[in-house]
């Protein structure tokens, strides 16, 4: 792509506040590929998000944690902006995986067969008995695009594929099965996003970007940009490596607000939260111990 108007230029990834109108004027479409609703741990109503998206000329992928209820309330085919049927799946070994389906009916069927039976009492938390590798096996024959959300994890946690890869928990051959990395996530720090940018090249995967928005105001702060103007073309451009990512991270007050929003939503599920987090912590300790023993044996 040669440099064109409105600041859209060849650099595939650019840390900047997106110019939504400028992107459209240049003949591109954009979508926030990571946004949450009150179906999971956000207070944002889907109808309000749609109104905001229209006013900003921004499409969106609705990616609630393990759930698709908000998507089922709307008719995607009748919307005048790009709406990508999606879901952020919380794997049992830590990472969050963004799944983008070409067709809503396919997403519904996948959720019914593979996600619903694995939900915990708090449905937004890590699925039961479904590691990242298991999830990728389930998605193998699905018509969808798969991206690793916030690859470096939040606050050093294992909620990103790349941080687990660097810790030795998830091997390179599993990471390479992803279609993309979320190289700009609005909820992450600049340093972590820069690391994600470095890592996607090493693994040879594509790129996506999204706000990880839990409040309406976040919508469009990070966008994936494509020449395509429909869902099929938009997702295809990610797989082909033809898309761009533009965005900037939330400042500390907005990140804190996001954290509080999620925290208050989780309060109703405190016992389940404690149980799941404890299990994941125990898993991390076991994996860390196993890795240390393996290193010691290799050095002896």
C-alpha atoms as a PDB file:
ATOM      1  CA  UNK A   1       0.000   0.000   0.000  1.00  0.00           C
ATOM      2  CA  UNK A   2       1.399   3.349  -0.937  1.00  0.00           C
ATOM      3  CA  UNK A   3       0.987   6.357   1.319  1.00  0.00           C
ATOM      4  CA  UNK A   4      -2.418   7.963   0.879  1.00  0.00           C
ATOM      5  CA  UNK A   5      -4.506  10.649   2.504  1.00  0.00           C
ATOM      6  CA  UNK A   6      -5.639  10.874   6.099  1.00  0.00           C
ATOM      7  CA  UNK A   7      -2.420   9.483   7.528  1.00  0.00           C
ATOM      8  CA  UNK A   8      -3.041   5.940   6.252  1.00  0.00           C
ATOM      9  CA  UNK A   9       0.391   4.754   5.203  1.00  0.00           C
ATOM     10  CA  UNK A  10       2.338   1.586   4.651  1.00  0.00           C
ATOM     11  CA  UNK A  11       3.395   0.999   8.291  1.00  0.00           C
ATOM     12  CA  UNK A  12       1.018  -1.795   9.198  1.00  0.00           C
ATOM     13  CA  UNK A  13       1.017  -0.890  12.883  1.00  0.00           C
ATOM     14  CA  UNK A  14       0.920   2.669  14.131  1.00  0.00           C
ATOM     15  CA  UNK A  15       0.429   3.961  17.663  1.00  0.00           C
ATOM     16  CA  UNK A  16      -1.882   6.933  17.190  1.00  0.00           C
ATOM     17  CA  UNK A  17      -5.423   8.097  17.938  1.00  0.00           C
ATOM     18  CA  UNK A  18      -7.444   6.727  15.009  1.00  0.00           C
ATOM     19  CA  UNK A  19      -8.947   9.250  12.601  1.00  0.00           C
ATOM     20  CA  UNK A  20     -12.211   7.411  11.873  1.00  0.00           C
ATOM     21  CA  UNK A  21     -13.520   9.835   9.266  1.00  0.00           C
ATOM     22  CA  UNK A  22     -10.121  10.117   7.639  1.00  0.00           C
ATOM     23  CA  UNK A  23      -9.884   6.337   7.354  1.00  0.00           C
ATOM     24  CA  UNK A  24     -13.281   6.246   5.627  1.00  0.00           C
ATOM     25  CA  UNK A  25     -12.396   9.161   3.336  1.00  0.00           C
ATOM     26  CA  UNK A  26      -9.291   7.251   2.247  1.00  0.00           C
ATOM     27  CA  UNK A  27     -11.474   4.335   1.108  1.00  0.00           C
ATOM     28  CA  UNK A  28     -10.837   2.038   4.068  1.00  0.00           C
ATOM     29  CA  UNK A  29     -13.068   0.432   6.685  1.00  0.00           C
ATOM     30  CA  UNK A  30     -12.139   0.060  10.337  1.00  0.00           C
ATOM     31  CA  UNK A  31     -13.417  -2.012  13.229  1.00  0.00           C
ATOM     32  CA  UNK A  32     -12.683  -2.277  16.926  1.00  0.00           C
ATOM     33  CA  UNK A  33     -11.967  -6.004  17.138  1.00  0.00           C
ATOM     34  CA  UNK A  34     -12.245  -6.349  20.917  1.00  0.00           C
ATOM     35  CA  UNK A  35     -15.255  -4.863  22.688  1.00  0.00           C
ATOM     36  CA  UNK A  36     -17.380  -6.139  25.586  1.00  0.00           C
ATOM     37  CA  UNK A  37     -21.038  -5.709  26.538  1.00  0.00           C
ATOM     38  CA  UNK A  38     -23.190  -6.294  29.604  1.00  0.00           C
ATOM     39  CA  UNK A  39     -23.517  -9.885  28.440  1.00  0.00           C
ATOM     40  CA  UNK A  40     -20.252 -10.453  30.307  1.00  0.00           C
ATOM     41  CA  UNK A  41     -18.148  -8.137  32.485  1.00  0.00           C
ATOM     42  CA  UNK A  42     -19.143  -4.748  31.045  1.00  0.00           C
ATOM     43  CA  UNK A  43     -22.051  -2.368  31.633  1.00  0.00           C
ATOM     44  CA  UNK A  44     -22.290  -1.411  27.941  1.00  0.00           C
ATOM     45  CA  UNK A  45     -25.613  -2.188  26.271  1.00  0.00           C
ATOM     46  CA  UNK A  46     -25.347  -3.554  22.727  1.00  0.00           C
ATOM     47  CA  UNK A  47     -27.833  -1.020  21.332  1.00  0.00           C
ATOM     48  CA  UNK A  48     -25.881   1.896  22.790  1.00  0.00           C
ATOM     49  CA  UNK A  49     -22.654   0.472  21.399  1.00  0.00           C
ATOM     50  CA  UNK A  50     -24.265   0.211  17.963  1.00  0.00           C
ATOM     51  CA  UNK A  51     -25.390   3.835  18.087  1.00  0.00           C
ATOM     52  CA  UNK A  52     -21.897   4.946  19.103  1.00  0.00           C
ATOM     53  CA  UNK A  53     -20.298   2.831  16.396  1.00  0.00           C
ATOM     54  CA  UNK A  54     -22.513   4.406  13.732  1.00  0.00           C
ATOM     55  CA  UNK A  55     -21.774   7.917  14.941  1.00  0.00           C
ATOM     56  CA  UNK A  56     -18.026   7.244  14.829  1.00  0.00           C
ATOM     57  CA  UNK A  57     -18.120   5.349  11.532  1.00  0.00           C
ATOM     58  CA  UNK A  58     -16.459   2.376  13.234  1.00  0.00           C
ATOM     59  CA  UNK A  59     -17.358  -1.289  12.907  1.00  0.00           C
ATOM     60  CA  UNK A  60     -16.855  -3.705  15.778  1.00  0.00           C
ATOM     61  CA  UNK A  61     -16.375  -7.303  16.787  1.00  0.00           C
ATOM     62  CA  UNK A  62     -18.456  -8.044  19.879  1.00  0.00           C
ATOM     63  CA  UNK A  63     -16.210 -10.349  21.921  1.00  0.00           C
ATOM     64  CA  UNK A  64     -17.798 -11.127  25.260  1.00  0.00           C
ATOM     65  CA  UNK A  65     -16.094 -13.657  27.514  1.00  0.00           C
ATOM     66  CA  UNK A  66     -17.357 -17.133  26.552  1.00  0.00           C
ATOM     67  CA  UNK A  67     -20.833 -15.752  25.781  1.00  0.00           C
ATOM     68  CA  UNK A  68     -22.763 -14.515  22.733  1.00  0.00           C
ATOM     69  CA  UNK A  69     -26.035 -13.232  24.234  1.00  0.00           C
ATOM     70  CA  UNK A  70     -25.664  -9.633  23.063  1.00  0.00           C
ATOM     71  CA  UNK A  71     -25.003 -10.731  19.490  1.00  0.00           C
ATOM     72  CA  UNK A  72     -28.187 -12.799  19.563  1.00  0.00           C
ATOM     73  CA  UNK A  73     -30.201  -9.639  20.287  1.00  0.00           C
ATOM     74  CA  UNK A  74     -29.358  -7.997  16.972  1.00  0.00           C
ATOM     75  CA  UNK A  75     -29.666  -8.833  13.274  1.00  0.00           C
ATOM     76  CA  UNK A  76     -26.111  -8.453  12.001  1.00  0.00           C
ATOM     77  CA  UNK A  77     -27.156  -8.645   8.380  1.00  0.00           C
ATOM     78  CA  UNK A  78     -29.347  -5.564   8.684  1.00  0.00           C
ATOM     79  CA  UNK A  79     -26.725  -3.324  10.287  1.00  0.00           C
ATOM     80  CA  UNK A  80     -25.163  -0.590   8.156  1.00  0.00           C
ATOM     81  CA  UNK A  81     -21.717  -0.988   9.754  1.00  0.00           C
ATOM     82  CA  UNK A  82     -19.406  -3.996   9.928  1.00  0.00           C
ATOM     83  CA  UNK A  83     -20.414  -6.223  12.857  1.00  0.00           C
ATOM     84  CA  UNK A  84     -18.203  -9.287  13.263  1.00  0.00           C
ATOM     85  CA  UNK A  85     -19.639 -12.216  15.262  1.00  0.00           C
ATOM     86  CA  UNK A  86     -17.036 -12.942  17.899  1.00  0.00           C
ATOM     87  CA  UNK A  87     -16.187 -14.211  21.326  1.00  0.00           C
ATOM     88  CA  UNK A  88     -13.218 -13.976  23.686  1.00  0.00           C
ATOM     89  CA  UNK A  89     -12.645 -17.496  24.955  1.00  0.00           C
ATOM     90  CA  UNK A  90     -10.865 -17.957  28.283  1.00  0.00           C
ATOM     91  CA  UNK A  91      -8.755 -21.113  28.048  1.00  0.00           C
ATOM     92  CA  UNK A  92      -8.256 -23.200  31.162  1.00  0.00           C
ATOM     93  CA  UNK A  93      -4.459 -22.781  31.035  1.00  0.00           C
ATOM     94  CA  UNK A  94      -4.689 -18.978  31.086  1.00  0.00           C
ATOM     95  CA  UNK A  95      -4.677 -17.322  27.637  1.00  0.00           C
ATOM     96  CA  UNK A  96      -7.649 -15.433  26.228  1.00  0.00           C
ATOM     97  CA  UNK A  97      -8.328 -16.244  22.584  1.00  0.00           C
ATOM     98  CA  UNK A  98     -10.340 -13.974  20.284  1.00  0.00           C
ATOM     99  CA  UNK A  99     -12.486 -15.875  17.802  1.00  0.00           C
ATOM    100  CA  UNK A 100     -14.049 -14.116  14.817  1.00  0.00           C
ATOM    101  CA  UNK A 101     -16.655 -16.032  12.824  1.00  0.00           C
ATOM    102  CA  UNK A 102     -17.732 -15.290   9.267  1.00  0.00           C
ATOM    103  CA  UNK A 103     -21.287 -16.363  10.022  1.00  0.00           C
ATOM    104  CA  UNK A 104     -23.371 -15.867  13.167  1.00  0.00           C
ATOM    105  CA  UNK A 105     -25.055 -19.246  12.819  1.00  0.00           C
ATOM    106  CA  UNK A 106     -21.654 -20.955  12.832  1.00  0.00           C
ATOM    107  CA  UNK A 107     -20.730 -19.082  16.011  1.00  0.00           C
ATOM    108  CA  UNK A 108     -23.999 -20.107  17.662  1.00  0.00           C
ATOM    109  CA  UNK A 109     -23.454 -23.755  16.796  1.00  0.00           C
ATOM    110  CA  UNK A 110     -19.838 -23.724  17.969  1.00  0.00           C
ATOM    111  CA  UNK A 111     -20.820 -22.076  21.236  1.00  0.00           C
ATOM    112  CA  UNK A 112     -23.671 -24.524  21.844  1.00  0.00           C
ATOM    113  CA  UNK A 113     -21.545 -27.613  21.235  1.00  0.00           C
ATOM    114  CA  UNK A 114     -18.166 -26.615  22.613  1.00  0.00           C
ATOM    115  CA  UNK A 115     -18.351 -23.632  24.948  1.00  0.00           C
ATOM    116  CA  UNK A 116     -21.632 -23.891  26.837  1.00  0.00           C
ATOM    117  CA  UNK A 117     -20.839 -27.362  28.278  1.00  0.00           C
ATOM    118  CA  UNK A 118     -17.532 -26.041  29.638  1.00  0.00           C
ATOM    119  CA  UNK A 119     -18.797 -22.894  31.370  1.00  0.00           C
ATOM    120  CA  UNK A 120     -18.052 -22.360  35.069  1.00  0.00           C
ATOM    121  CA  UNK A 121     -20.656 -20.984  37.501  1.00  0.00           C
ATOM    122  CA  UNK A 122     -19.156 -17.607  36.608  1.00  0.00           C
ATOM    123  CA  UNK A 123     -19.379 -17.993  32.832  1.00  0.00           C
ATOM    124  CA  UNK A 124     -16.767 -15.321  32.060  1.00  0.00           C
ATOM    125  CA  UNK A 125     -13.937 -17.227  33.740  1.00  0.00           C
ATOM    126  CA  UNK A 126     -11.653 -19.896  32.299  1.00  0.00           C
ATOM    127  CA  UNK A 127     -13.502 -22.811  30.752  1.00  0.00           C
ATOM    128  CA  UNK A 128     -13.437 -26.230  32.342  1.00  0.00           C
ATOM    129  CA  UNK A 129     -10.974 -28.661  30.797  1.00  0.00           C
ATOM    130  CA  UNK A 130     -10.123 -26.616  27.713  1.00  0.00           C
ATOM    131  CA  UNK A 131      -6.483 -25.617  27.280  1.00  0.00           C
ATOM    132  CA  UNK A 132      -5.326 -23.333  24.490  1.00  0.00           C
ATOM    133  CA  UNK A 133      -4.270 -26.337  22.439  1.00  0.00           C
ATOM    134  CA  UNK A 134      -7.618 -28.076  23.038  1.00  0.00           C
ATOM    135  CA  UNK A 135      -9.457 -24.934  21.967  1.00  0.00           C
ATOM    136  CA  UNK A 136      -7.427 -24.648  18.770  1.00  0.00           C
ATOM    137  CA  UNK A 137      -8.258 -28.290  18.043  1.00  0.00           C
ATOM    138  CA  UNK A 138     -11.974 -27.477  18.410  1.00  0.00           C
ATOM    139  CA  UNK A 139     -11.600 -24.448  16.133  1.00  0.00           C
ATOM    140  CA  UNK A 140      -9.526 -26.261  13.513  1.00  0.00           C
ATOM    141  CA  UNK A 141     -12.399 -26.973  11.123  1.00  0.00           C
ATOM    142  CA  UNK A 142     -14.405 -23.838  11.892  1.00  0.00           C
ATOM    143  CA  UNK A 143     -14.791 -21.011   9.400  1.00  0.00           C
ATOM    144  CA  UNK A 144     -13.251 -18.378  11.656  1.00  0.00           C
ATOM    145  CA  UNK A 145     -10.185 -16.269  12.343  1.00  0.00           C
ATOM    146  CA  UNK A 146      -8.351 -16.721  15.656  1.00  0.00           C
ATOM    147  CA  UNK A 147      -6.234 -14.076  17.392  1.00  0.00           C
ATOM    148  CA  UNK A 148      -4.354 -14.103  20.686  1.00  0.00           C
ATOM    149  CA  UNK A 149      -5.820 -11.361  22.894  1.00  0.00           C
ATOM    150  CA  UNK A 150      -3.386  -9.079  24.790  1.00  0.00           C
ATOM    151  CA  UNK A 151      -0.501 -11.517  24.127  1.00  0.00           C
ATOM    152  CA  UNK A 152       1.637 -10.324  27.052  1.00  0.00           C
ATOM    153  CA  UNK A 153      -1.162 -10.885  29.587  1.00  0.00           C
ATOM    154  CA  UNK A 154      -2.416  -8.375  32.112  1.00  0.00           C
ATOM    155  CA  UNK A 155      -0.022  -7.454  34.932  1.00  0.00           C
ATOM    156  CA  UNK A 156       2.195 -10.442  34.214  1.00  0.00           C
ATOM    157  CA  UNK A 157      -0.681 -12.925  34.365  1.00  0.00           C
ATOM    158  CA  UNK A 158      -0.991 -15.895  32.013  1.00  0.00           C
ATOM    159  CA  UNK A 159      -3.952 -14.330  30.162  1.00  0.00           C
ATOM    160  CA  UNK A 160      -1.865 -13.884  27.013  1.00  0.00           C
ATOM    161  CA  UNK A 161      -0.452 -16.512  24.671  1.00  0.00           C
ATOM    162  CA  UNK A 162       2.940 -14.830  24.289  1.00  0.00           C
ATOM    163  CA  UNK A 163       3.667 -14.572  28.008  1.00  0.00           C
ATOM    164  CA  UNK A 164       2.845 -18.279  28.343  1.00  0.00           C
ATOM    165  CA  UNK A 165       5.092 -19.036  25.382  1.00  0.00           C
ATOM    166  CA  UNK A 166       7.963 -17.109  26.970  1.00  0.00           C
ATOM    167  CA  UNK A 167       7.440 -18.961  30.250  1.00  0.00           C
ATOM    168  CA  UNK A 168       7.664 -22.244  28.366  1.00  0.00           C
ATOM    169  CA  UNK A 169       4.051 -23.245  29.018  1.00  0.00           C
ATOM    170  CA  UNK A 170       2.857 -23.072  25.414  1.00  0.00           C
ATOM    171  CA  UNK A 171       5.249 -24.168  22.638  1.00  0.00           C
ATOM    172  CA  UNK A 172       5.920 -22.320  19.390  1.00  0.00           C
ATOM    173  CA  UNK A 173       4.066 -24.890  17.287  1.00  0.00           C
ATOM    174  CA  UNK A 174       0.851 -24.174  19.205  1.00  0.00           C
ATOM    175  CA  UNK A 175       1.269 -20.401  18.904  1.00  0.00           C
ATOM    176  CA  UNK A 176       1.813 -20.692  15.153  1.00  0.00           C
ATOM    177  CA  UNK A 177      -1.657 -22.206  14.804  1.00  0.00           C
ATOM    178  CA  UNK A 178      -3.163 -18.803  15.572  1.00  0.00           C
ATOM    179  CA  UNK A 179      -4.083 -16.587  12.654  1.00  0.00           C
ATOM    180  CA  UNK A 180      -3.016 -13.406  14.437  1.00  0.00           C
ATOM    181  CA  UNK A 181      -1.825 -11.573  17.527  1.00  0.00           C
ATOM    182  CA  UNK A 182      -3.633  -8.564  18.971  1.00  0.00           C
ATOM    183  CA  UNK A 183      -0.675  -6.208  18.552  1.00  0.00           C
ATOM    184  CA  UNK A 184      -2.379  -3.124  19.972  1.00  0.00           C
ATOM    185  CA  UNK A 185      -4.741  -3.762  22.884  1.00  0.00           C
ATOM    186  CA  UNK A 186      -6.196  -0.614  24.441  1.00  0.00           C
ATOM    187  CA  UNK A 187      -6.017  -2.048  27.944  1.00  0.00           C
ATOM    188  CA  UNK A 188      -2.320  -2.889  27.830  1.00  0.00           C
ATOM    189  CA  UNK A 189       0.698  -0.675  28.424  1.00  0.00           C
ATOM    190  CA  UNK A 190       2.730   0.619  25.489  1.00  0.00           C
ATOM    191  CA  UNK A 191       5.645  -1.574  26.517  1.00  0.00           C
ATOM    192  CA  UNK A 192       3.519  -4.733  26.434  1.00  0.00           C
ATOM    193  CA  UNK A 193       2.028  -3.800  23.061  1.00  0.00           C
ATOM    194  CA  UNK A 194       5.508  -3.167  21.655  1.00  0.00           C
ATOM    195  CA  UNK A 195       6.474  -6.655  22.826  1.00  0.00           C
ATOM    196  CA  UNK A 196       3.391  -8.036  21.078  1.00  0.00           C
ATOM    197  CA  UNK A 197       4.485  -6.288  17.865  1.00  0.00           C
ATOM    198  CA  UNK A 198       7.931  -7.865  18.126  1.00  0.00           C
ATOM    199  CA  UNK A 199       6.430 -11.280  18.816  1.00  0.00           C
ATOM    200  CA  UNK A 200       3.933 -11.519  15.964  1.00  0.00           C
ATOM    201  CA  UNK A 201       6.798 -11.292  13.469  1.00  0.00           C
ATOM    202  CA  UNK A 202       8.703 -14.077  15.198  1.00  0.00           C
ATOM    203  CA  UNK A 203       5.730 -16.417  15.045  1.00  0.00           C
ATOM    204  CA  UNK A 204       4.747 -15.486  11.505  1.00  0.00           C
ATOM    205  CA  UNK A 205       1.122 -14.682  12.319  1.00  0.00           C
ATOM    206  CA  UNK A 206      -1.162 -11.810  11.290  1.00  0.00           C
ATOM    207  CA  UNK A 207      -2.304  -8.814  13.307  1.00  0.00           C
ATOM    208  CA  UNK A 208      -5.468  -7.434  14.880  1.00  0.00           C
ATOM    209  CA  UNK A 209      -6.166  -4.492  17.162  1.00  0.00           C
ATOM    210  CA  UNK A 210      -8.944  -3.665  19.588  1.00  0.00           C
ATOM    211  CA  UNK A 211      -9.736  -1.474  22.555  1.00  0.00           C
ATOM    212  CA  UNK A 212     -10.678  -4.288  24.960  1.00  0.00           C
ATOM    213  CA  UNK A 213     -13.375  -1.784  25.810  1.00  0.00           C
ATOM    214  CA  UNK A 214     -15.640  -2.254  28.801  1.00  0.00           C
ATOM    215  CA  UNK A 215     -17.221   1.192  28.584  1.00  0.00           C
ATOM    216  CA  UNK A 216     -18.867   2.741  25.533  1.00  0.00           C
ATOM    217  CA  UNK A 217     -16.359   5.585  25.365  1.00  0.00           C
ATOM    218  CA  UNK A 218     -13.561   3.083  24.615  1.00  0.00           C
ATOM    219  CA  UNK A 219     -15.101   2.032  21.310  1.00  0.00           C
ATOM    220  CA  UNK A 220     -12.767   2.730  18.397  1.00  0.00           C
ATOM    221  CA  UNK A 221      -9.729   3.816  20.404  1.00  0.00           C
ATOM    222  CA  UNK A 222      -7.928   0.944  18.676  1.00  0.00           C
ATOM    223  CA  UNK A 223      -9.043  -0.267  15.255  1.00  0.00           C
ATOM    224  CA  UNK A 224      -8.177  -2.830  12.639  1.00  0.00           C
ATOM    225  CA  UNK A 225      -8.176  -1.225   9.174  1.00  0.00           C
ATOM    226  CA  UNK A 226      -8.963  -2.895   5.861  1.00  0.00           C
ATOM    227  CA  UNK A 227      -9.876  -2.094   2.290  1.00  0.00           C
ATOM    228  CA  UNK A 228     -12.788  -4.537   2.648  1.00  0.00           C
ATOM    229  CA  UNK A 229     -16.263  -3.276   3.434  1.00  0.00           C
ATOM    230  CA  UNK A 230     -17.916  -6.527   4.544  1.00  0.00           C
ATOM    231  CA  UNK A 231     -17.248  -9.190   7.169  1.00  0.00           C
ATOM    232  CA  UNK A 232     -15.900 -11.815   4.762  1.00  0.00           C
ATOM    233  CA  UNK A 233     -13.442  -9.454   3.106  1.00  0.00           C
ATOM    234  CA  UNK A 234     -12.431  -7.908   6.423  1.00  0.00           C
ATOM    235  CA  UNK A 235     -11.542 -11.247   8.005  1.00  0.00           C
ATOM    236  CA  UNK A 236      -9.870 -12.458   4.821  1.00  0.00           C
ATOM    237  CA  UNK A 237      -7.605  -9.401   4.842  1.00  0.00           C
ATOM    238  CA  UNK A 238      -6.343 -10.377   8.307  1.00  0.00           C
ATOM    239  CA  UNK A 239      -5.493 -13.903   7.198  1.00  0.00           C
ATOM    240  CA  UNK A 240      -3.758 -12.570   4.057  1.00  0.00           C
ATOM    241  CA  UNK A 241      -1.785  -9.983   6.017  1.00  0.00           C
ATOM    242  CA  UNK A 242      -3.303  -7.077   4.115  1.00  0.00           C
ATOM    243  CA  UNK A 243      -4.791  -5.148   7.046  1.00  0.00           C
ATOM    244  CA  UNK A 244      -3.448  -2.349   9.226  1.00  0.00           C
ATOM    245  CA  UNK A 245      -3.796  -1.578  12.938  1.00  0.00           C
ATOM    246  CA  UNK A 246      -4.103   1.913  14.385  1.00  0.00           C
ATOM    247  CA  UNK A 247      -4.689   2.865  18.005  1.00  0.00           C
ATOM    248  CA  UNK A 248      -3.547   4.112  21.361  1.00  0.00           C
ATOM    249  CA  UNK A 249      -3.747   2.720  24.858  1.00  0.00           C
ATOM    250  CA  UNK A 250      -6.097   3.956  27.568  1.00  0.00           C
ATOM    251  CA  UNK A 251      -4.599   6.322  30.102  1.00  0.00           C
ATOM    252  CA  UNK A 252      -4.321   5.162  33.709  1.00  0.00           C
ATOM    253  CA  UNK A 253      -7.677   6.599  34.917  1.00  0.00           C
ATOM    254  CA  UNK A 254      -9.544   4.823  32.120  1.00  0.00           C
ATOM    255  CA  UNK A 255      -7.690   1.561  32.753  1.00  0.00           C
ATOM    256  CA  UNK A 256      -8.606   1.880  36.424  1.00  0.00           C
ATOM    257  CA  UNK A 257     -12.248   2.474  35.493  1.00  0.00           C
ATOM    258  CA  UNK A 258     -12.208  -0.653  33.340  1.00  0.00           C
ATOM    259  CA  UNK A 259     -10.759  -2.634  36.215  1.00  0.00           C
ATOM    260  CA  UNK A 260     -13.423  -1.390  38.613  1.00  0.00           C
ATOM    261  CA  UNK A 261     -16.172  -2.181  36.119  1.00  0.00           C
ATOM    262  CA  UNK A 262     -14.991  -5.777  35.792  1.00  0.00           C
ATOM    263  CA  UNK A 263     -14.400  -6.084  39.538  1.00  0.00           C
ATOM    264  CA  UNK A 264     -17.947  -5.086  40.470  1.00  0.00           C
ATOM    265  CA  UNK A 265     -19.378  -7.499  37.914  1.00  0.00           C
ATOM    266  CA  UNK A 266     -17.337 -10.348  39.350  1.00  0.00           C
ATOM    267  CA  UNK A 267     -18.473  -9.732  42.947  1.00  0.00           C
ATOM    268  CA  UNK A 268     -21.641 -11.769  42.439  1.00  0.00           C
ATOM    269  CA  UNK A 269     -19.455 -14.759  41.555  1.00  0.00           C
ATOM    270  CA  UNK A 270     -16.848 -14.478  44.311  1.00  0.00           C
ATOM    271  CA  UNK A 271     -16.719 -18.210  45.280  1.00  0.00           C
ATOM    272  CA  UNK A 272     -16.325 -19.259  41.654  1.00  0.00           C
ATOM    273  CA  UNK A 273     -13.690 -16.581  41.038  1.00  0.00           C
ATOM    274  CA  UNK A 274     -11.640 -17.755  44.021  1.00  0.00           C
ATOM    275  CA  UNK A 275     -11.916 -21.389  42.938  1.00  0.00           C
ATOM    276  CA  UNK A 276     -10.938 -20.815  39.309  1.00  0.00           C
ATOM    277  CA  UNK A 277      -8.114 -18.399  40.119  1.00  0.00           C
ATOM    278  CA  UNK A 278      -6.747 -20.824  42.713  1.00  0.00           C
ATOM    279  CA  UNK A 279      -6.786 -23.675  40.200  1.00  0.00           C
ATOM    280  CA  UNK A 280      -4.974 -21.554  37.632  1.00  0.00           C
ATOM    281  CA  UNK A 281      -2.401 -20.462  40.210  1.00  0.00           C
ATOM    282  CA  UNK A 282      -1.784 -24.093  41.172  1.00  0.00           C
ATOM    283  CA  UNK A 283      -1.387 -24.973  37.492  1.00  0.00           C
ATOM    284  CA  UNK A 284       1.181 -22.184  37.067  1.00  0.00           C
ATOM    285  CA  UNK A 285       3.137 -23.368  40.096  1.00  0.00           C
ATOM    286  CA  UNK A 286       3.168 -26.950  38.796  1.00  0.00           C
ATOM    287  CA  UNK A 287       4.320 -25.846  35.350  1.00  0.00           C
ATOM    288  CA  UNK A 288       7.007 -23.598  36.839  1.00  0.00           C
ATOM    289  CA  UNK A 289       8.313 -26.375  39.060  1.00  0.00           C
ATOM    290  CA  UNK A 290       8.313 -28.843  36.179  1.00  0.00           C
ATOM    291  CA  UNK A 291      10.247 -26.377  34.027  1.00  0.00           C
ATOM    292  CA  UNK A 292      12.874 -25.802  36.739  1.00  0.00           C
ATOM    293  CA  UNK A 293      13.353 -29.561  37.200  1.00  0.00           C
ATOM    294  CA  UNK A 294      13.677 -30.022  33.434  1.00  0.00           C
ATOM    295  CA  UNK A 295      16.298 -27.254  33.207  1.00  0.00           C
ATOM    296  CA  UNK A 296      18.222 -28.732  36.122  1.00  0.00           C
ATOM    297  CA  UNK A 297      18.225 -32.179  34.508  1.00  0.00           C
ATOM    298  CA  UNK A 298      19.383 -30.753  31.170  1.00  0.00           C
ATOM    299  CA  UNK A 299      22.224 -28.869  32.840  1.00  0.00           C
ATOM    300  CA  UNK A 300      23.402 -31.864  34.835  1.00  0.00           C
END
